[in-house]
Protein backbone atom coordinates (compact mmCIF):
# COMPACT_ATOMS: atom_id res chain seq x y z
CA MET A 1 -35.23 -17.27 81.99
CA ALA A 2 -37.74 -14.93 80.47
CA THR A 3 -35.56 -12.01 81.58
CA THR A 4 -32.54 -13.55 79.87
CA ILE A 5 -34.42 -14.12 76.62
CA SER A 6 -35.73 -10.57 76.76
CA SER A 7 -32.21 -9.29 77.31
CA PHE A 8 -30.89 -11.22 74.30
CA LEU A 9 -33.72 -9.96 72.13
CA HIS A 10 -33.02 -6.39 73.24
CA GLU A 11 -29.34 -6.75 72.39
CA ASP A 12 -30.22 -8.23 68.99
CA MET A 13 -32.51 -5.30 68.28
CA ILE A 14 -29.80 -2.82 69.18
CA SER A 15 -27.30 -4.67 67.02
CA LEU A 16 -29.76 -4.77 64.12
CA ARG A 17 -30.47 -1.06 64.41
CA GLY A 18 -26.75 -0.30 64.56
CA ASN A 19 -26.08 -2.33 61.46
CA THR A 20 -28.98 -0.67 59.68
CA LEU A 21 -27.76 2.81 60.60
CA LEU A 22 -24.22 1.90 59.53
CA ALA A 23 -25.50 0.61 56.20
CA MET A 24 -27.57 3.74 55.72
CA PHE A 25 -24.59 5.94 56.56
CA GLU A 26 -22.35 4.07 54.14
CA SER A 27 -25.07 4.28 51.50
CA TYR A 28 -25.41 8.05 52.14
CA ASN A 29 -21.65 8.54 51.77
CA LEU A 30 -21.70 6.50 48.59
CA ASN A 31 -24.61 8.53 47.17
CA THR A 32 -22.96 11.81 48.14
CA SER A 33 -19.66 10.78 46.57
CA THR A 34 -21.50 9.68 43.44
CA LEU A 35 -23.37 12.96 43.21
CA LEU A 36 -20.17 14.95 43.68
CA LEU A 37 -18.47 12.84 41.01
CA TYR A 38 -21.38 13.42 38.62
CA ALA A 39 -21.29 17.16 39.38
CA VAL A 40 -17.57 17.36 38.63
CA ILE A 41 -17.96 15.38 35.40
CA THR A 42 -20.91 17.55 34.35
CA PHE A 43 -18.98 20.74 35.13
CA ILE A 44 -15.95 19.57 33.15
CA THR A 45 -18.15 18.43 30.26
CA LEU A 46 -19.99 21.73 30.13
CA GLY A 47 -16.67 23.58 30.31
CA VAL A 48 -15.21 21.59 27.45
CA LEU A 49 -18.43 21.93 25.43
CA THR A 50 -18.56 25.68 26.04
CA TRP A 51 -14.92 26.09 25.03
CA THR A 52 -15.53 23.99 21.93
CA LEU A 53 -18.56 26.02 20.90
CA SER A 54 -16.93 29.36 21.69
CA CYS A 55 -15.47 31.19 18.73
CA PRO A 56 -12.63 33.70 18.38
CA GLY A 57 -13.92 37.08 19.50
CA GLY A 58 -17.21 35.64 20.74
CA PRO A 59 -20.69 35.49 19.18
CA ALA A 60 -20.63 39.02 17.75
CA TRP A 61 -17.66 38.11 15.52
CA LYS A 62 -19.09 35.07 13.79
CA ARG A 63 -18.49 34.32 10.13
CA GLY A 64 -15.01 35.83 10.18
CA ARG A 65 -15.92 39.49 10.72
CA ASN A 66 -12.47 39.96 12.28
CA CYS A 67 -10.73 38.62 9.17
CA ILE A 68 -11.93 40.94 6.40
CA GLY A 69 -8.64 42.88 6.34
CA PHE A 70 -5.22 41.90 5.08
CA VAL A 71 -4.36 41.22 8.73
CA SER A 72 -6.88 39.56 11.04
CA ILE A 73 -7.82 41.28 14.30
CA PRO A 74 -6.59 39.11 17.23
CA SER A 75 -9.62 37.70 19.01
CA PRO A 76 -9.59 35.80 22.31
CA LYS A 77 -12.28 33.17 22.55
CA GLY A 78 -15.63 34.33 23.92
CA LEU A 79 -18.45 32.39 25.54
CA PRO A 80 -21.64 31.68 23.61
CA ILE A 81 -24.23 34.45 24.09
CA PHE A 82 -22.08 36.42 26.55
CA GLY A 83 -18.72 36.68 24.83
CA SER A 84 -16.33 38.44 27.23
CA LEU A 85 -19.18 40.13 29.09
CA LEU A 86 -19.01 38.09 32.29
CA GLY A 87 -15.35 38.89 32.84
CA LEU A 88 -15.82 42.64 32.34
CA ALA A 89 -19.11 43.20 34.18
CA HIS A 90 -17.37 43.66 37.52
CA GLY A 91 -14.05 44.77 38.97
CA LEU A 92 -11.79 47.01 36.90
CA PRO A 93 -12.37 46.20 33.21
CA HIS A 94 -9.58 48.49 32.00
CA ARG A 95 -7.06 46.36 33.90
CA THR A 96 -8.66 43.11 32.72
CA LEU A 97 -8.54 44.26 29.09
CA ALA A 98 -4.92 45.38 29.52
CA SER A 99 -4.00 41.87 30.69
CA MET A 100 -5.87 40.31 27.74
CA ALA A 101 -4.02 42.58 25.30
CA GLN A 102 -0.62 41.45 26.58
CA THR A 103 -0.95 38.08 24.83
CA SER A 104 0.70 39.47 21.68
CA GLN A 105 1.91 42.68 20.10
CA ALA A 106 -0.92 42.50 17.56
CA ALA A 107 -3.48 42.19 20.36
CA SER A 108 -2.08 45.31 22.03
CA GLN A 109 -2.64 47.20 18.77
CA LEU A 110 -6.22 45.99 18.43
CA MET A 111 -8.27 43.19 19.94
CA ALA A 112 -11.77 41.99 19.00
CA ILE A 113 -14.16 40.89 21.75
CA SER A 114 -17.90 40.43 22.14
CA LEU A 115 -19.85 42.23 24.83
CA GLY A 116 -22.93 40.09 24.47
CA SER A 117 -24.24 40.88 21.00
CA THR A 118 -22.07 44.02 20.72
CA PRO A 119 -19.00 43.62 18.47
CA THR A 120 -16.22 45.58 20.14
CA VAL A 121 -12.58 46.36 19.42
CA VAL A 122 -10.14 47.59 22.04
CA ALA A 123 -6.99 49.55 21.18
CA SER A 124 -4.08 49.63 23.65
CA ASP A 125 -1.57 51.26 21.33
CA PRO A 126 -1.10 55.02 20.69
CA GLN A 127 -0.93 54.74 16.90
CA THR A 128 -4.05 52.60 16.60
CA ALA A 129 -5.80 54.87 19.09
CA ARG A 130 -5.01 57.91 16.95
CA GLU A 131 -6.36 56.27 13.80
CA ILE A 132 -9.63 55.40 15.55
CA LEU A 133 -10.24 58.63 17.43
CA THR A 134 -9.39 60.92 14.50
CA SER A 135 -11.24 58.91 11.83
CA GLN A 136 -14.30 60.58 10.30
CA HIS A 137 -15.93 57.14 10.37
CA PHE A 138 -15.73 57.06 14.18
CA ALA A 139 -17.44 60.40 14.79
CA ASN A 140 -20.45 58.81 16.55
CA ARG A 141 -20.81 57.32 19.98
CA PRO A 142 -22.84 54.23 20.89
CA ILE A 143 -25.76 55.40 23.03
CA LYS A 144 -26.40 53.50 26.23
CA GLN A 145 -29.98 53.03 27.40
CA SER A 146 -29.38 55.28 30.41
CA ALA A 147 -27.83 58.02 28.25
CA ARG A 148 -30.85 58.01 25.95
CA LEU A 149 -33.34 58.04 28.83
CA LEU A 150 -31.44 60.86 30.56
CA MET A 151 -31.67 63.03 27.41
CA PHE A 152 -27.94 62.95 26.62
CA ASN A 153 -28.67 61.93 23.04
CA ARG A 154 -29.71 65.58 22.54
CA ALA A 155 -26.54 67.00 24.14
CA ILE A 156 -22.95 67.33 22.94
CA GLY A 157 -21.65 64.09 24.44
CA PHE A 158 -23.92 61.62 22.66
CA ALA A 159 -25.73 63.50 19.89
CA PRO A 160 -24.97 61.84 16.54
CA ASN A 161 -22.54 63.56 14.22
CA GLY A 162 -24.42 65.96 11.96
CA THR A 163 -25.82 69.48 11.68
CA TYR A 164 -27.34 69.53 15.16
CA TRP A 165 -24.19 68.24 16.87
CA ARG A 166 -21.99 70.73 14.99
CA LEU A 167 -24.29 73.55 16.11
CA LEU A 168 -23.99 72.49 19.75
CA ARG A 169 -20.24 72.23 19.44
CA LYS A 170 -19.99 75.71 17.92
CA ILE A 171 -22.18 77.26 20.63
CA ALA A 172 -20.21 75.65 23.46
CA SER A 173 -16.82 76.51 21.95
CA SER A 174 -17.75 80.14 21.32
CA HIS A 175 -19.85 80.99 24.37
CA LEU A 176 -18.71 78.70 27.18
CA PHE A 177 -15.23 77.27 26.69
CA ALA A 178 -13.46 80.02 24.75
CA PRO A 179 -10.33 81.32 26.55
CA ARG A 180 -11.81 84.78 27.08
CA LYS A 181 -14.93 83.23 28.64
CA ILE A 182 -12.86 81.07 30.96
CA SER A 183 -10.83 84.12 31.99
CA ALA A 184 -13.99 86.18 32.57
CA HIS A 185 -15.24 83.65 35.13
CA GLU A 186 -11.98 83.70 37.08
CA PRO A 187 -13.35 85.87 39.98
CA ALA A 188 -16.19 83.43 40.59
CA ARG A 189 -13.83 80.45 40.38
CA SER A 190 -11.49 82.08 42.89
CA LEU A 191 -14.39 82.89 45.24
CA GLU A 192 -15.52 79.26 45.29
CA CYS A 193 -11.98 78.14 46.04
CA THR A 194 -11.67 80.60 48.92
CA SER A 195 -14.92 79.32 50.40
CA MET A 196 -13.62 75.75 50.07
CA LEU A 197 -10.35 76.64 51.83
CA ASN A 198 -12.30 78.15 54.73
CA ASP A 199 -14.46 75.04 55.04
CA ILE A 200 -11.37 72.82 55.04
CA THR A 201 -9.82 74.91 57.82
CA THR A 202 -13.00 74.57 59.86
CA GLU A 203 -13.22 70.80 59.45
CA GLN A 204 -9.57 70.32 60.40
CA SER A 205 -10.03 72.35 63.60
CA LEU A 206 -13.19 70.42 64.52
CA HIS A 207 -12.19 66.85 63.68
CA GLY A 208 -8.41 66.80 63.34
CA PHE A 209 -8.59 65.59 59.72
CA VAL A 210 -10.30 66.50 56.44
CA VAL A 211 -12.35 64.42 54.01
CA LEU A 212 -11.53 66.38 50.86
CA ARG A 213 -13.98 65.03 48.27
CA LYS A 214 -17.13 66.64 49.69
CA HIS A 215 -15.45 70.06 49.69
CA LEU A 216 -14.28 69.64 46.10
CA GLN A 217 -17.72 68.50 44.96
CA ALA A 218 -19.45 71.44 46.62
CA ALA A 219 -16.97 73.91 45.09
CA SER A 220 -17.28 72.26 41.66
CA LEU A 221 -21.06 72.40 41.81
CA ASN A 222 -21.10 76.08 42.71
CA ASN A 223 -18.48 76.87 40.10
CA ILE A 224 -20.38 75.20 37.26
CA MET A 225 -23.68 76.66 38.49
CA GLU A 226 -22.16 80.14 38.29
CA ILE A 227 -20.96 79.54 34.73
CA VAL A 228 -24.05 77.77 33.40
CA PHE A 229 -26.94 79.25 35.42
CA GLY A 230 -25.46 82.47 36.77
CA LYS A 231 -26.06 81.56 40.41
CA SER A 232 -23.99 80.18 43.25
CA TYR A 233 -25.32 78.59 46.41
CA ASN A 234 -22.53 80.29 48.32
CA LYS A 235 -24.25 83.56 47.45
CA VAL A 236 -27.97 82.78 47.51
CA GLY A 237 -27.72 80.25 50.34
CA ASP A 238 -30.61 78.05 49.10
CA VAL A 239 -29.66 74.86 50.93
CA ASP A 240 -32.68 72.85 49.80
CA GLU A 241 -32.13 73.64 46.12
CA SER A 242 -28.44 72.89 46.45
CA MET A 243 -29.13 69.50 48.04
CA GLU A 244 -31.72 68.71 45.36
CA LEU A 245 -29.24 69.42 42.58
CA GLN A 246 -26.47 67.46 44.27
CA GLU A 247 -28.77 64.46 44.61
CA MET A 248 -29.83 64.66 40.95
CA VAL A 249 -26.21 64.83 39.81
CA ARG A 250 -25.25 61.92 42.08
CA GLU A 251 -28.13 59.79 40.80
CA GLY A 252 -27.35 60.66 37.18
CA PHE A 253 -23.69 59.75 37.66
CA GLU A 254 -24.63 56.43 39.21
CA LEU A 255 -27.11 55.59 36.45
CA LEU A 256 -24.85 56.54 33.57
CA GLY A 257 -21.88 54.74 35.09
CA ALA A 258 -23.76 51.58 36.13
CA PHE A 259 -23.21 48.43 34.13
CA ASN A 260 -26.45 47.70 32.27
CA TRP A 261 -26.79 44.17 30.92
CA SER A 262 -29.51 45.31 28.51
CA ASP A 263 -27.03 47.49 26.61
CA HIS A 264 -25.35 44.31 25.36
CA LEU A 265 -28.14 41.73 25.66
CA PRO A 266 -31.23 43.71 24.51
CA TRP A 267 -33.65 40.82 25.12
CA LEU A 268 -32.95 41.11 28.87
CA ASN A 269 -34.63 44.51 28.86
CA TYR A 270 -38.05 42.89 29.07
CA PHE A 271 -37.55 40.98 32.31
CA TYR A 272 -34.14 41.68 33.93
CA ASP A 273 -33.07 45.03 35.32
CA PRO A 274 -31.36 44.36 38.66
CA PHE A 275 -30.36 48.00 39.21
CA HIS A 276 -33.78 49.35 38.10
CA ILE A 277 -32.00 51.62 35.65
CA LYS A 278 -34.98 52.27 33.40
CA GLU A 279 -37.30 52.94 36.33
CA ARG A 280 -34.83 55.27 38.04
CA CYS A 281 -34.10 57.19 34.82
CA MET A 282 -37.82 57.70 34.22
CA ALA A 283 -38.14 59.06 37.78
CA LEU A 284 -35.10 61.36 37.51
CA VAL A 285 -35.86 63.07 34.18
CA PRO A 286 -39.05 64.89 35.33
CA GLN A 287 -37.12 66.25 38.33
CA VAL A 288 -34.32 67.49 36.07
CA LYS A 289 -36.75 69.12 33.63
CA LYS A 290 -38.65 70.86 36.44
CA PHE A 291 -35.45 72.13 38.04
CA ILE A 292 -33.86 73.47 34.86
CA LYS A 293 -37.05 74.89 33.33
CA LYS A 294 -37.56 76.87 36.52
CA ILE A 295 -34.15 78.50 36.06
CA ILE A 296 -34.83 79.12 32.35
CA ASN A 297 -38.12 80.84 33.23
CA GLU A 298 -36.37 83.00 35.83
CA HIS A 299 -34.01 84.20 33.09
CA LYS A 300 -36.90 84.83 30.72
CA LEU A 301 -38.67 86.97 33.32
CA ARG A 302 -35.58 89.16 33.63
CA GLY A 303 -35.88 89.95 29.94
CA SER A 304 -33.15 90.13 27.34
CA VAL A 305 -29.67 91.13 28.45
CA ASN A 306 -26.57 92.33 26.68
CA LEU A 307 -24.21 89.40 26.43
CA LEU A 308 -20.82 89.88 28.07
CA ASP A 309 -17.88 87.54 28.42
CA ASP A 310 -19.06 86.54 31.90
CA SER A 311 -22.70 86.05 30.91
CA ASP A 312 -24.09 82.69 31.99
CA PHE A 313 -24.89 79.97 29.48
CA VAL A 314 -28.67 80.20 29.93
CA ASP A 315 -28.62 83.80 28.70
CA VAL A 316 -26.47 82.69 25.77
CA LEU A 317 -28.93 79.98 24.72
CA LEU A 318 -31.92 82.30 25.09
CA SER A 319 -30.24 84.88 22.88
CA LEU A 320 -29.85 82.50 19.93
CA ASP A 321 -32.15 83.12 17.01
CA GLY A 322 -32.70 81.99 13.44
CA GLN A 323 -31.23 78.60 12.60
CA ASP A 324 -29.31 78.55 15.88
CA ASN A 325 -32.47 78.76 17.98
CA LEU A 326 -33.03 75.72 20.19
CA SER A 327 -36.21 74.23 21.60
CA GLU A 328 -36.69 74.35 25.36
CA ASP A 329 -36.30 70.57 25.65
CA ASP A 330 -32.98 70.74 23.80
CA MET A 331 -31.88 73.57 26.10
CA VAL A 332 -32.75 71.44 29.13
CA ALA A 333 -30.68 68.52 27.79
CA ILE A 334 -27.66 70.75 27.04
CA LEU A 335 -27.74 72.58 30.38
CA TRP A 336 -28.21 69.32 32.28
CA GLU A 337 -25.16 67.82 30.57
CA MET A 338 -23.02 70.88 31.35
CA VAL A 339 -23.85 70.74 35.07
CA PHE A 340 -23.61 66.96 35.16
CA ARG A 341 -20.24 66.64 33.41
CA GLY A 342 -18.68 69.69 35.04
CA THR A 343 -19.31 68.77 38.67
CA ASP A 344 -17.66 65.48 39.63
CA THR A 345 -14.98 65.34 36.92
CA ILE A 346 -13.03 68.32 38.28
CA ALA A 347 -13.52 67.21 41.87
CA LEU A 348 -12.30 63.65 41.29
CA LEU A 349 -9.20 64.70 39.35
CA THR A 350 -8.24 67.24 42.03
CA GLU A 351 -8.67 64.56 44.69
CA TRP A 352 -6.30 62.20 42.84
CA VAL A 353 -3.70 64.99 42.60
CA MET A 354 -3.90 65.77 46.30
CA ALA A 355 -3.74 62.07 47.22
CA GLU A 356 -0.49 61.64 45.29
CA LEU A 357 0.95 64.82 46.82
CA THR A 358 0.01 63.62 50.31
CA LEU A 359 1.85 60.34 49.69
CA ASN A 360 4.84 62.01 47.99
CA GLN A 361 6.00 64.69 50.41
CA GLY A 362 9.11 65.54 48.40
CA ILE A 363 7.05 66.32 45.31
CA GLN A 364 4.61 68.33 47.40
CA SER A 365 7.48 70.41 48.82
CA LYS A 366 8.95 71.00 45.35
CA LEU A 367 5.57 72.15 44.05
CA ARG A 368 5.06 74.43 47.06
CA PHE A 369 8.45 76.04 46.46
CA GLU A 370 7.42 76.85 42.88
CA ILE A 371 4.11 78.33 44.06
CA ASP A 372 5.76 80.29 46.88
CA SER A 373 8.24 81.76 44.41
CA PHE A 374 5.41 82.82 42.12
CA MET A 375 3.38 84.34 44.96
CA GLY A 376 6.40 86.13 46.39
CA ASN A 377 7.08 87.84 43.05
CA LYS A 378 3.43 88.51 42.23
CA SER A 379 2.58 92.14 41.64
CA THR A 380 -0.90 93.44 42.44
CA ASN A 381 -1.62 93.67 38.70
CA ASN A 382 -0.65 90.07 38.01
CA ASP A 383 -3.57 87.83 37.09
CA TYR A 384 -4.03 84.85 39.39
CA ALA A 385 -4.71 82.80 36.24
CA ASP A 386 -0.97 82.94 35.55
CA ILE A 387 -0.47 80.48 38.38
CA THR A 388 -1.96 77.76 36.18
CA LYS A 389 1.00 78.09 33.78
CA LEU A 390 3.63 77.08 36.33
CA PRO A 391 5.65 74.23 34.71
CA TYR A 392 6.00 71.93 37.72
CA LEU A 393 2.32 72.37 38.62
CA GLN A 394 1.39 71.31 35.11
CA ALA A 395 3.80 68.37 35.32
CA VAL A 396 2.15 67.19 38.54
CA ILE A 397 -1.32 67.34 36.98
CA LYS A 398 -0.19 65.61 33.78
CA GLU A 399 1.44 62.84 35.79
CA THR A 400 -1.80 62.37 37.74
CA LEU A 401 -3.75 62.17 34.49
CA ARG A 402 -1.26 59.56 33.27
CA LEU A 403 -1.31 57.42 36.38
CA HIS A 404 -5.06 57.85 37.04
CA PRO A 405 -6.82 58.64 33.73
CA PRO A 406 -10.36 59.72 34.72
CA GLY A 407 -12.05 57.93 31.82
CA PRO A 408 -9.95 54.80 31.16
CA LEU A 409 -12.62 53.20 28.94
CA LEU A 410 -16.11 54.64 29.05
CA SER A 411 -15.17 58.09 27.77
CA TRP A 412 -13.61 56.54 24.68
CA ALA A 413 -16.42 54.50 23.14
CA ARG A 414 -16.97 55.26 19.44
CA LEU A 415 -19.19 53.64 16.81
CA SER A 416 -17.99 52.96 13.26
CA THR A 417 -20.32 54.16 10.51
CA SER A 418 -18.50 52.17 7.79
CA ASP A 419 -15.60 49.77 7.41
CA VAL A 420 -12.41 51.41 8.69
CA HIS A 421 -9.06 50.38 7.19
CA LEU A 422 -6.11 50.77 9.56
CA SER A 423 -2.49 51.25 8.55
CA ASN A 424 -1.51 47.87 10.07
CA GLY A 425 -3.74 46.03 7.57
CA MET A 426 -6.62 45.36 9.96
CA VAL A 427 -10.17 46.38 9.03
CA ILE A 428 -12.80 47.33 11.62
CA PRO A 429 -16.27 46.48 10.24
CA ALA A 430 -19.14 48.98 10.23
CA ASN A 431 -21.37 49.16 13.33
CA THR A 432 -18.52 48.15 15.64
CA THR A 433 -17.98 49.77 19.02
CA ALA A 434 -14.37 50.87 19.53
CA MET A 435 -12.74 51.63 22.85
CA VAL A 436 -9.29 52.99 23.57
CA ASN A 437 -7.79 51.63 26.77
CA MET A 438 -5.96 54.77 27.81
CA TRP A 439 -5.06 53.16 31.15
CA SER A 440 -3.23 50.40 29.29
CA ILE A 441 -1.32 52.94 27.17
CA THR A 442 -0.31 55.09 30.13
CA HIS A 443 0.88 52.03 32.07
CA ASN A 444 2.82 50.44 29.21
CA SER A 445 6.55 50.13 29.91
CA ASP A 446 7.24 50.32 26.15
CA VAL A 447 5.65 53.79 26.13
CA TRP A 448 6.64 55.15 29.56
CA ASP A 449 9.61 54.56 31.85
CA HIS A 450 8.59 53.31 35.31
CA PRO A 451 4.89 53.52 34.38
CA PHE A 452 3.56 52.69 37.86
CA THR A 453 5.65 55.34 39.64
CA PHE A 454 4.50 58.92 40.26
CA GLU A 455 7.25 60.96 38.57
CA PRO A 456 6.18 64.47 37.44
CA ASP A 457 9.75 65.21 36.26
CA ARG A 458 9.06 63.09 33.16
CA PHE A 459 7.10 66.10 31.84
CA LEU A 460 9.77 68.71 32.59
CA ILE A 461 12.17 69.56 29.76
CA SER A 462 14.57 71.01 32.33
CA ALA A 463 14.72 67.58 34.02
CA GLY A 464 15.29 65.68 30.79
CA GLY A 465 11.59 64.95 30.22
CA SER A 466 9.22 66.02 27.46
CA ASN A 467 6.41 68.56 27.42
CA VAL A 468 3.62 66.22 26.32
CA ASP A 469 0.44 67.90 25.05
CA VAL A 470 -2.60 66.35 26.78
CA ARG A 471 -5.17 67.99 24.48
CA GLY A 472 -5.34 65.09 22.03
CA ASN A 473 -2.28 65.69 19.88
CA ASP A 474 -0.16 63.02 21.56
CA LEU A 475 -2.00 59.74 22.05
CA ARG A 476 0.50 58.55 24.63
CA LEU A 477 -1.51 60.72 26.99
CA ALA A 478 -4.88 61.98 25.78
CA PRO A 479 -7.18 61.99 28.84
CA PHE A 480 -9.69 64.29 27.13
CA GLY A 481 -9.90 62.32 23.91
CA ALA A 482 -8.91 63.33 20.39
CA GLY A 483 -10.47 64.16 17.06
CA ARG A 484 -13.99 65.47 16.60
CA ARG A 485 -15.20 64.11 19.93
CA VAL A 486 -12.43 65.59 22.06
CA CYS A 487 -13.83 66.99 25.32
CA PRO A 488 -14.86 70.61 24.65
CA GLY A 489 -14.44 71.55 28.31
CA MET A 490 -10.84 70.37 28.72
CA ASN A 491 -9.38 73.90 28.93
CA LEU A 492 -11.87 74.91 31.62
CA GLY A 493 -11.14 71.70 33.51
CA MET A 494 -7.36 72.15 33.38
CA VAL A 495 -7.54 75.79 34.47
CA THR A 496 -9.86 75.00 37.39
CA VAL A 497 -7.87 71.99 38.64
CA SER A 498 -4.58 73.88 38.28
CA GLU A 499 -5.78 76.89 40.25
CA TRP A 500 -7.40 74.85 43.01
CA VAL A 501 -4.43 72.50 43.45
CA ALA A 502 -2.08 75.48 43.62
CA LYS A 503 -4.14 77.15 46.33
CA LEU A 504 -4.65 73.94 48.31
CA VAL A 505 -0.88 73.36 48.36
CA TYR A 506 -0.07 77.01 49.07
CA GLN A 507 -2.59 77.31 51.90
CA PHE A 508 -1.88 74.00 53.67
CA GLU A 509 0.67 71.28 54.20
CA TRP A 510 -0.97 67.93 53.48
CA VAL A 511 0.11 64.91 55.55
CA GLN A 512 -1.29 61.44 56.03
CA ASP A 513 -3.68 60.71 58.87
CA MET A 514 -2.18 57.38 59.94
CA GLY A 515 -5.51 56.33 61.39
CA ARG A 516 -6.99 56.75 57.91
CA PRO A 517 -4.09 56.11 55.51
CA VAL A 518 -4.30 57.15 51.86
CA ASP A 519 -5.68 54.30 49.77
CA LEU A 520 -5.18 54.56 45.99
CA THR A 521 -7.50 51.64 45.21
CA GLU A 522 -9.59 52.48 42.14
CA GLU A 523 -13.31 52.21 41.61
CA LEU A 524 -14.67 52.55 38.08
CA LYS A 525 -18.04 54.23 37.86
CA LEU A 526 -18.63 56.85 35.18
CA SER A 527 -15.11 58.04 35.99
CA CYS A 528 -12.26 56.21 37.68
CA GLU A 529 -12.27 57.50 41.24
CA MET A 530 -10.69 56.69 44.57
CA LYS A 531 -12.64 53.88 46.20
CA GLN A 532 -11.97 55.41 49.61
CA PRO A 533 -12.23 59.25 49.66
CA LEU A 534 -9.02 61.03 50.60
CA CYS A 535 -8.64 61.69 54.32
CA ALA A 536 -5.67 63.79 55.39
CA LYS A 537 -4.44 66.17 58.03
CA VAL A 538 -3.93 69.72 56.84
CA ILE A 539 -1.58 72.17 58.51
CA PRO A 540 -2.42 75.83 57.77
CA ARG A 541 0.60 77.84 56.68
CA ASN A 542 1.19 81.16 58.41
CA GLY A 543 0.63 84.12 56.14
CA ALA A 544 -0.70 82.09 53.22
CA SER A 545 -4.32 83.17 53.68
CA GLU A 546 -3.46 86.85 53.60
CA MET A 547 -1.63 86.54 50.26
CA MET A 548 -4.36 84.41 48.64
């Protein structure tokens, strides 16, 4: 009897516990569902509230700043505080902005957005781009925190328009980028290319494929070092110094190209710097100054020299006197910019060209036929620089610049010094940052036929195309800018890329390594580069090395 009662009590306890657990479980599900419901309602409410509070153009365009002209500047809504910043802080902002500009024809001409507290306009139309880039009121650039910390505010790229900037421009145009100066450095440029070709041959024989970018970067570094400092690491063989300079240039590129929230939300500078930009800039600058001042002192110890067309830029700067004389700190900033800007830009553009040629074998063969014909008719007195004038070679490079503009946005930023009245009736207020989305222009089907297809023939008059000038006169394709701030080194860049592409195609056949296929995915840093460096198989051509 006692056992039976005990058994019943035990069963009752089990039943009670089961019911309790079931009730708790149901209560937990109810609470979880309620919390999820509250979360959804809160999210929707915040979304609606944010959209309600957001204003056309974002917070930097309050009080109708986009409506002071006869025609208002189209302005997509921007979030409070951030504006359009969150959508452009990652990914490929030039493509995002191109999509935003497609909402209307007026928006493609000009669009007002807020990058945090920075009022910004974006032009995706050639005519509007011309008016902005050639306006005397857009002769300044906004200076990023990293650019200021890295001394670029004292160099050509970011120095404000004025007496000092005009002096720098005159010095560079006369003593570094003049046609006779570029021609005088041809032997050194050719020597670096020959060394690169030999290294490519070696890597192909050892590994069965070539990663091109590292060879292009090494050649570009030595080439610009020869022009600016009068020394090449292929000659002196100082591996440690070469590695030090490469690392400084790499770090500088990363810092200047990194997205810095503090540039657009200045109050974040006091407590939020996820990439440690300020700290890294402060660490890099003393290294740069030490490196460059050492080279300046080496030139000083040699004494004064008679300037020739192939004299290096350090000797040129040291020879300046009177009102043209520069302080040593200004010399450091200028020389640092020349090395910095002249290293990766040429390498990355050449890599894009070779990637397209590797994918488009018919175009590569057509280009090689043109180069072979030139080399076969070349007399011993013919200057190798003439190879850069070959029409199809130039068409291939122009088409690469169109399809893969190296500076789709960052190279275009300008700052208005007063209200700027445009021909379409819009007015850009003073202290507004202006960007030209060259990628959007070069991929616009209203401007170019088949804009996403690699077709060099579009630049050949003989094939029914047009000979578009890429030096800033035709804003359908102006990869080097236009107006006062046009890139002073564009002629040097075009000559170098043309010569190196010609020799790479003449020396080798370039084919895909199917284990490492060509990937044209972009990555926007300071320049727009291939996210995955070009890997290809190269087949040496018999007899090519002897003729080169």
